[in-house]
């Protein structure tokens, strides 16, 4: 009998079986996808996902999740640019920056530990796409 994950901490055992099957290289690459996203937007995670999607489901899941997160942040920046006209953009632009930064750090640290951390809403979409 396994204990279900608590809300806010979306970790679960590896759907591929033994959690020790995740190598340190996989953990590092998964963490790197989030770090690259902070500095390159969605391009860094996109490249990592394209390179690693057939080699490791763990890396593919985290890279795709980082890709979706940072694509949402970029779209948020674009919308905030238009909303600056009505002065709301000055509030939404930093909010999208903080959202991207906080979730990148949380998910990157979890990926480095070997956890299957799911960012709310985005994680379920990434799981479906990777086939977990």
Protein backbone atom coordinates (compact mmCIF):
# COMPACT_ATOMS: atom_id res chain seq x y z
CA UNK A 1 0.00 0.00 0.00
CA UNK A 2 1.49 3.32 -1.03
CA UNK A 3 0.76 6.71 0.44
CA UNK A 4 -0.69 9.18 -2.10
CA UNK A 5 1.20 12.44 -2.63
CA UNK A 6 0.10 15.40 -0.56
CA UNK A 7 -1.31 18.45 -2.38
CA UNK A 8 1.43 20.89 -3.28
CA UNK A 9 4.03 18.16 -3.52
CA UNK A 10 3.34 16.27 -6.69
CA UNK A 11 5.91 13.56 -6.38
CA UNK A 12 5.27 9.96 -7.22
CA UNK A 13 7.27 6.84 -7.83
CA UNK A 14 8.77 6.42 -11.25
CA UNK A 15 6.15 5.12 -13.70
CA UNK A 16 8.98 3.19 -15.30
CA UNK A 17 9.42 1.04 -12.22
CA UNK A 18 12.46 1.34 -9.99
CA UNK A 19 13.24 4.97 -9.03
CA UNK A 20 16.94 4.10 -8.96
CA UNK A 21 16.72 3.61 -12.76
CA UNK A 22 16.89 7.41 -13.07
CA UNK A 23 20.56 8.22 -13.57
CA UNK A 24 22.35 11.27 -12.24
CA UNK A 25 22.72 12.43 -15.85
CA UNK A 26 18.93 12.31 -16.25
CA UNK A 27 18.45 14.32 -13.06
CA UNK A 28 21.00 16.90 -14.18
CA UNK A 29 19.48 17.24 -17.66
CA UNK A 30 15.98 17.62 -16.19
CA UNK A 31 17.19 20.36 -13.84
CA UNK A 32 19.09 22.01 -16.70
CA UNK A 33 15.86 22.31 -18.70
CA UNK A 34 14.39 24.59 -16.03
CA UNK A 35 17.58 26.63 -15.63
CA UNK A 36 17.87 27.12 -19.38
CA UNK A 37 14.25 28.23 -19.43
CA UNK A 38 15.00 31.06 -17.02
CA UNK A 39 17.70 32.45 -19.32
CA UNK A 40 16.51 31.47 -22.82
CA UNK A 41 12.73 31.38 -22.52
CA UNK A 42 11.22 28.35 -24.19
CA UNK A 43 14.14 27.71 -26.60
CA UNK A 44 16.46 25.93 -24.13
CA UNK A 45 13.82 23.46 -22.90
CA UNK A 46 12.66 22.92 -26.50
CA UNK A 47 16.14 21.89 -27.62
CA UNK A 48 16.60 19.60 -24.60
CA UNK A 49 13.20 18.01 -25.18
CA UNK A 50 13.91 17.39 -28.86
CA UNK A 51 17.29 15.82 -28.07
CA UNK A 52 16.26 13.69 -25.08
CA UNK A 53 12.59 12.81 -25.71
CA UNK A 54 13.36 9.30 -27.01
CA UNK A 55 16.15 8.54 -24.55
CA UNK A 56 14.63 9.23 -21.12
CA UNK A 57 11.00 9.70 -20.10
CA UNK A 58 12.17 11.48 -16.96
CA UNK A 59 14.08 14.12 -18.92
CA UNK A 60 11.35 14.33 -21.56
CA UNK A 61 8.69 14.97 -18.90
CA UNK A 62 10.66 17.72 -17.16
CA UNK A 63 11.88 19.33 -20.38
CA UNK A 64 8.35 19.40 -21.80
CA UNK A 65 7.00 20.80 -18.57
CA UNK A 66 9.68 23.53 -18.61
CA UNK A 67 8.91 24.21 -22.27
CA UNK A 68 5.20 24.69 -21.59
CA UNK A 69 5.88 26.81 -18.49
CA UNK A 70 8.22 29.18 -20.28
CA UNK A 71 6.01 29.37 -23.38
CA UNK A 72 3.18 30.50 -21.09
CA UNK A 73 5.50 33.07 -19.51
CA UNK A 74 6.53 34.42 -22.94
CA UNK A 75 2.87 34.71 -23.97
CA UNK A 76 2.23 36.46 -20.66
CA UNK A 77 5.00 38.95 -21.43
CA UNK A 78 3.44 39.68 -24.81
CA UNK A 79 -0.01 40.18 -23.29
CA UNK A 80 1.47 42.35 -20.57
CA UNK A 81 3.10 44.53 -23.22
CA UNK A 82 -0.33 45.26 -24.67
CA UNK A 83 -1.85 45.76 -21.22
CA UNK A 84 0.69 48.46 -20.39
CA UNK A 85 -1.56 50.80 -22.38
CA UNK A 86 -4.20 50.49 -19.65
CA UNK A 87 -1.55 50.39 -16.90
CA UNK A 88 -2.38 46.81 -15.85
CA UNK A 89 0.67 45.48 -17.69
CA UNK A 90 2.95 47.06 -15.11
CA UNK A 91 1.51 44.57 -12.60
CA UNK A 92 1.16 41.50 -14.81
CA UNK A 93 4.65 41.64 -16.32
CA UNK A 94 6.44 41.14 -12.97
CA UNK A 95 3.82 38.56 -11.95
CA UNK A 96 4.67 36.40 -14.97
CA UNK A 97 8.40 36.81 -14.25
CA UNK A 98 7.95 35.70 -10.64
CA UNK A 99 5.68 32.80 -11.69
CA UNK A 100 8.29 31.49 -14.14
CA UNK A 101 11.17 31.93 -11.73
CA UNK A 102 9.49 30.33 -8.70
CA UNK A 103 8.18 27.28 -10.55
CA UNK A 104 11.50 26.85 -12.37
CA UNK A 105 13.42 26.79 -9.11
CA UNK A 106 10.95 24.46 -7.34
CA UNK A 107 10.69 22.03 -10.24
CA UNK A 108 14.43 22.18 -10.95
CA UNK A 109 15.31 21.27 -7.37
CA UNK A 110 12.77 18.44 -7.39
CA UNK A 111 14.11 17.14 -10.72
CA UNK A 112 17.63 17.16 -9.34
CA UNK A 113 16.43 14.94 -6.46
CA UNK A 114 14.80 12.56 -8.94
CA UNK A 115 11.19 13.52 -8.13
CA UNK A 116 8.39 13.58 -10.69
CA UNK A 117 7.27 17.07 -9.63
CA UNK A 118 4.22 18.37 -11.48
CA UNK A 119 3.63 22.06 -11.90
CA UNK A 120 -0.12 22.59 -11.38
CA UNK A 121 -2.09 22.24 -14.65
CA UNK A 122 1.07 22.08 -16.78
CA UNK A 123 2.26 18.82 -15.22
CA UNK A 124 -0.84 16.87 -16.23
CA UNK A 125 -0.52 18.06 -19.82
CA UNK A 126 3.17 17.10 -19.90
CA UNK A 127 2.41 13.64 -18.46
CA UNK A 128 -0.17 13.00 -21.18
CA UNK A 129 2.18 14.09 -23.95
CA UNK A 130 5.08 11.97 -22.71
CA UNK A 131 2.81 8.99 -22.16
CA UNK A 132 3.12 8.50 -18.40
